[in-house]
Amino acid sequence: MELPLLAALVVGGVTAVVALTVLLGWSASATLDATAARARFLLDFPDARIVELRLGDEGRAALLQLDDPIGSVGLVAVLGDRTFTRRLTGAGVRRVLEDDAGLTIHLRDTGAPSLRVGVSDPAARGAWRARLGAL
């Protein structure tokens, strides 16, 4: 088989797989709402008592203030078409950066080294930054 024909078959096959994936919706990213974020966190941490929940503006992450002795913060985040949870304590958070659009949380977790949570409200953003900084 000649090289140009082989190259055309490979490129055509890859293009067909990508197009099929997009058309069938298999490439869609998950999103969160408050109910889904609460349910997802309680699935992994059934004993948690959630005091407050802040859904990120883009629906890809949520911060949860937990009622526990160490004052930890819960996190639910989207990674592709799945969600994952973390209970953040001082040992797990490296630093928190704030800008006009939200918070960037740098974790000591190699599976999720940093996460972006959109919080456009300045008062809420400052409050969550203070909570995360106090961990």
C-alpha atoms as a PDB file:
ATOM      1  CA  MET A   1       0.000   0.000   0.000  1.00  0.00           C
ATOM      2  CA  GLU A   2       1.362   3.381  -0.895  1.00  0.00           C
ATOM      3  CA  LEU A   3       2.186   5.913   1.782  1.00  0.00           C
ATOM      4  CA  PRO A   4      -0.248   8.664   0.637  1.00  0.00           C
ATOM      5  CA  LEU A   5      -3.164   6.212   0.690  1.00  0.00           C
ATOM      6  CA  LEU A   6      -2.183   4.914   4.117  1.00  0.00           C
ATOM      7  CA  ALA A   7      -1.841   8.467   5.461  1.00  0.00           C
ATOM      8  CA  ALA A   8      -5.261   9.395   4.054  1.00  0.00           C
ATOM      9  CA  LEU A   9      -6.851   6.352   5.730  1.00  0.00           C
ATOM     10  CA  VAL A  10      -5.276   7.180   9.099  1.00  0.00           C
ATOM     11  CA  VAL A  11      -6.240  10.865   8.968  1.00  0.00           C
ATOM     12  CA  GLY A  12      -9.753  10.004   7.770  1.00  0.00           C
ATOM     13  CA  GLY A  13     -10.215   7.414  10.523  1.00  0.00           C
ATOM     14  CA  VAL A  14      -9.045   9.753  13.278  1.00  0.00           C
ATOM     15  CA  THR A  15     -11.269  12.541  11.927  1.00  0.00           C
ATOM     16  CA  ALA A  16     -14.268  10.200  11.881  1.00  0.00           C
ATOM     17  CA  VAL A  17     -13.675   9.121  15.505  1.00  0.00           C
ATOM     18  CA  VAL A  18     -13.333  12.733  16.701  1.00  0.00           C
ATOM     19  CA  ALA A  19     -16.440  13.829  14.803  1.00  0.00           C
ATOM     20  CA  LEU A  20     -18.469  10.920  16.167  1.00  0.00           C
ATOM     21  CA  THR A  21     -17.318  11.663  19.719  1.00  0.00           C
ATOM     22  CA  VAL A  22     -18.406  15.301  19.463  1.00  0.00           C
ATOM     23  CA  LEU A  23     -21.698  14.576  17.690  1.00  0.00           C
ATOM     24  CA  LEU A  24     -22.744  11.954  20.246  1.00  0.00           C
ATOM     25  CA  GLY A  25     -21.908  14.263  23.141  1.00  0.00           C
ATOM     26  CA  TRP A  26     -19.206  12.061  24.622  1.00  0.00           C
ATOM     27  CA  SER A  27     -16.845  15.023  24.910  1.00  0.00           C
ATOM     28  CA  ALA A  28     -19.226  17.135  27.022  1.00  0.00           C
ATOM     29  CA  SER A  29     -17.872  18.305  30.348  1.00  0.00           C
ATOM     30  CA  ALA A  30     -19.908  17.835  33.512  1.00  0.00           C
ATOM     31  CA  THR A  31     -21.386  20.814  35.336  1.00  0.00           C
ATOM     32  CA  LEU A  32     -22.594  21.255  38.892  1.00  0.00           C
ATOM     33  CA  ASP A  33     -25.547  22.868  40.582  1.00  0.00           C
ATOM     34  CA  ALA A  34     -25.896  23.328  44.338  1.00  0.00           C
ATOM     35  CA  THR A  35     -27.971  20.174  44.815  1.00  0.00           C
ATOM     36  CA  ALA A  36     -25.574  18.008  42.798  1.00  0.00           C
ATOM     37  CA  ALA A  37     -22.522  19.433  44.588  1.00  0.00           C
ATOM     38  CA  ARG A  38     -24.059  18.785  48.022  1.00  0.00           C
ATOM     39  CA  ALA A  39     -25.106  15.243  47.067  1.00  0.00           C
ATOM     40  CA  ARG A  40     -21.693  14.443  45.559  1.00  0.00           C
ATOM     41  CA  PHE A  41     -19.830  15.654  48.656  1.00  0.00           C
ATOM     42  CA  LEU A  42     -22.118  13.715  51.008  1.00  0.00           C
ATOM     43  CA  LEU A  43     -21.595  10.583  48.924  1.00  0.00           C
ATOM     44  CA  ASP A  44     -17.890  10.611  49.857  1.00  0.00           C
ATOM     45  CA  PHE A  45     -18.270  12.198  53.312  1.00  0.00           C
ATOM     46  CA  PRO A  46     -21.657  11.052  54.679  1.00  0.00           C
ATOM     47  CA  ASP A  47     -20.939  12.379  58.193  1.00  0.00           C
ATOM     48  CA  ALA A  48     -20.220  15.930  56.991  1.00  0.00           C
ATOM     49  CA  ARG A  49     -22.448  18.752  58.132  1.00  0.00           C
ATOM     50  CA  ILE A  50     -22.536  21.418  55.429  1.00  0.00           C
ATOM     51  CA  VAL A  51     -23.130  24.909  56.806  1.00  0.00           C
ATOM     52  CA  GLU A  52     -22.752  26.905  53.582  1.00  0.00           C
ATOM     53  CA  LEU A  53     -22.229  26.087  49.920  1.00  0.00           C
ATOM     54  CA  ARG A  54     -20.784  28.431  47.303  1.00  0.00           C
ATOM     55  CA  LEU A  55     -21.135  27.263  43.723  1.00  0.00           C
ATOM     56  CA  GLY A  56     -18.501  28.656  41.376  1.00  0.00           C
ATOM     57  CA  ASP A  57     -19.825  31.067  38.754  1.00  0.00           C
ATOM     58  CA  GLU A  58     -19.009  28.685  35.913  1.00  0.00           C
ATOM     59  CA  GLY A  59     -20.614  25.625  37.570  1.00  0.00           C
ATOM     60  CA  ARG A  60     -17.379  23.623  37.590  1.00  0.00           C
ATOM     61  CA  ALA A  61     -16.544  23.780  41.304  1.00  0.00           C
ATOM     62  CA  ALA A  62     -18.190  24.336  44.671  1.00  0.00           C
ATOM     63  CA  LEU A  63     -16.806  25.280  48.074  1.00  0.00           C
ATOM     64  CA  LEU A  64     -18.555  23.993  51.184  1.00  0.00           C
ATOM     65  CA  GLN A  65     -18.113  25.348  54.704  1.00  0.00           C
ATOM     66  CA  LEU A  66     -18.221  22.351  57.035  1.00  0.00           C
ATOM     67  CA  ASP A  67     -19.262  22.272  60.667  1.00  0.00           C
ATOM     68  CA  ASP A  68     -16.453  20.262  62.222  1.00  0.00           C
ATOM     69  CA  PRO A  69     -13.946  20.844  65.043  1.00  0.00           C
ATOM     70  CA  ILE A  70     -11.097  21.820  62.704  1.00  0.00           C
ATOM     71  CA  GLY A  71     -13.179  24.124  60.490  1.00  0.00           C
ATOM     72  CA  SER A  72     -12.352  22.362  57.249  1.00  0.00           C
ATOM     73  CA  VAL A  73     -13.690  23.336  53.857  1.00  0.00           C
ATOM     74  CA  GLY A  74     -15.142  20.887  51.387  1.00  0.00           C
ATOM     75  CA  LEU A  75     -14.502  21.030  47.674  1.00  0.00           C
ATOM     76  CA  VAL A  76     -16.389  19.466  44.781  1.00  0.00           C
ATOM     77  CA  ALA A  77     -14.867  19.963  41.352  1.00  0.00           C
ATOM     78  CA  VAL A  78     -15.388  18.815  37.792  1.00  0.00           C
ATOM     79  CA  LEU A  79     -12.640  16.984  35.972  1.00  0.00           C
ATOM     80  CA  GLY A  80     -13.784  16.147  32.452  1.00  0.00           C
ATOM     81  CA  ASP A  81     -17.098  14.339  32.661  1.00  0.00           C
ATOM     82  CA  ARG A  82     -16.566  13.320  36.313  1.00  0.00           C
ATOM     83  CA  THR A  83     -16.560  15.066  39.658  1.00  0.00           C
ATOM     84  CA  PHE A  84     -14.264  14.620  42.616  1.00  0.00           C
ATOM     85  CA  THR A  85     -14.289  15.775  46.216  1.00  0.00           C
ATOM     86  CA  ARG A  86     -11.708  16.874  48.750  1.00  0.00           C
ATOM     87  CA  ARG A  87     -11.905  17.836  52.402  1.00  0.00           C
ATOM     88  CA  LEU A  88      -9.419  20.690  52.617  1.00  0.00           C
ATOM     89  CA  THR A  89      -7.358  21.240  55.723  1.00  0.00           C
ATOM     90  CA  GLY A  90      -4.233  23.295  56.342  1.00  0.00           C
ATOM     91  CA  ALA A  91      -2.028  20.387  55.297  1.00  0.00           C
ATOM     92  CA  GLY A  92      -3.739  20.132  51.918  1.00  0.00           C
ATOM     93  CA  VAL A  93      -3.719  23.758  50.770  1.00  0.00           C
ATOM     94  CA  ARG A  94      -0.455  25.301  49.571  1.00  0.00           C
ATOM     95  CA  ARG A  95      -1.787  28.777  48.793  1.00  0.00           C
ATOM     96  CA  VAL A  96      -4.857  30.649  47.617  1.00  0.00           C
ATOM     97  CA  LEU A  97      -4.661  33.394  44.999  1.00  0.00           C
ATOM     98  CA  GLU A  98      -7.429  35.906  44.397  1.00  0.00           C
ATOM     99  CA  ASP A  99      -8.239  38.049  41.375  1.00  0.00           C
ATOM    100  CA  ASP A 100     -11.346  39.867  40.111  1.00  0.00           C
ATOM    101  CA  ALA A 101     -12.837  36.695  38.639  1.00  0.00           C
ATOM    102  CA  GLY A 102     -12.351  34.286  41.536  1.00  0.00           C
ATOM    103  CA  LEU A 103      -9.971  32.116  43.503  1.00  0.00           C
ATOM    104  CA  THR A 104      -7.193  29.802  42.432  1.00  0.00           C
ATOM    105  CA  ILE A 105      -6.538  27.160  45.059  1.00  0.00           C
ATOM    106  CA  HIS A 106      -3.152  25.429  44.897  1.00  0.00           C
ATOM    107  CA  LEU A 107      -3.268  22.035  46.589  1.00  0.00           C
ATOM    108  CA  ARG A 108      -0.602  19.630  47.749  1.00  0.00           C
ATOM    109  CA  ASP A 109      -2.485  16.924  45.866  1.00  0.00           C
ATOM    110  CA  THR A 110      -0.707  15.669  42.745  1.00  0.00           C
ATOM    111  CA  GLY A 111      -4.041  14.483  41.327  1.00  0.00           C
ATOM    112  CA  ALA A 112      -5.444  18.028  41.407  1.00  0.00           C
ATOM    113  CA  PRO A 113      -2.577  20.486  41.908  1.00  0.00           C
ATOM    114  CA  SER A 114      -4.657  23.648  41.384  1.00  0.00           C
ATOM    115  CA  LEU A 115      -8.303  24.510  40.937  1.00  0.00           C
ATOM    116  CA  ARG A 116     -10.100  27.616  39.769  1.00  0.00           C
ATOM    117  CA  VAL A 117     -13.360  28.666  41.437  1.00  0.00           C
ATOM    118  CA  GLY A 118     -15.128  31.612  39.855  1.00  0.00           C
ATOM    119  CA  VAL A 119     -16.476  33.960  42.521  1.00  0.00           C
ATOM    120  CA  SER A 120     -17.324  37.345  40.994  1.00  0.00           C
ATOM    121  CA  ASP A 121     -18.866  38.803  44.176  1.00  0.00           C
ATOM    122  CA  PRO A 122     -15.996  40.579  46.000  1.00  0.00           C
ATOM    123  CA  ALA A 123     -17.443  40.070  49.501  1.00  0.00           C
ATOM    124  CA  ALA A 124     -18.007  36.345  48.976  1.00  0.00           C
ATOM    125  CA  ARG A 125     -14.599  35.954  47.325  1.00  0.00           C
ATOM    126  CA  GLY A 126     -12.880  37.645  50.267  1.00  0.00           C
ATOM    127  CA  ALA A 127     -14.788  35.557  52.805  1.00  0.00           C
ATOM    128  CA  TRP A 128     -13.875  32.285  51.100  1.00  0.00           C
ATOM    129  CA  ARG A 129     -10.264  33.359  50.709  1.00  0.00           C
ATOM    130  CA  ALA A 130     -10.119  34.109  54.432  1.00  0.00           C
ATOM    131  CA  ARG A 131     -11.626  30.702  55.264  1.00  0.00           C
ATOM    132  CA  LEU A 132      -9.173  28.900  53.032  1.00  0.00           C
ATOM    133  CA  GLY A 133      -6.279  30.966  54.325  1.00  0.00           C
ATOM    134  CA  ALA A 134      -7.183  30.119  57.929  1.00  0.00           C
ATOM    135  CA  LEU A 135      -6.857  26.380  57.300  1.00  0.00           C
END
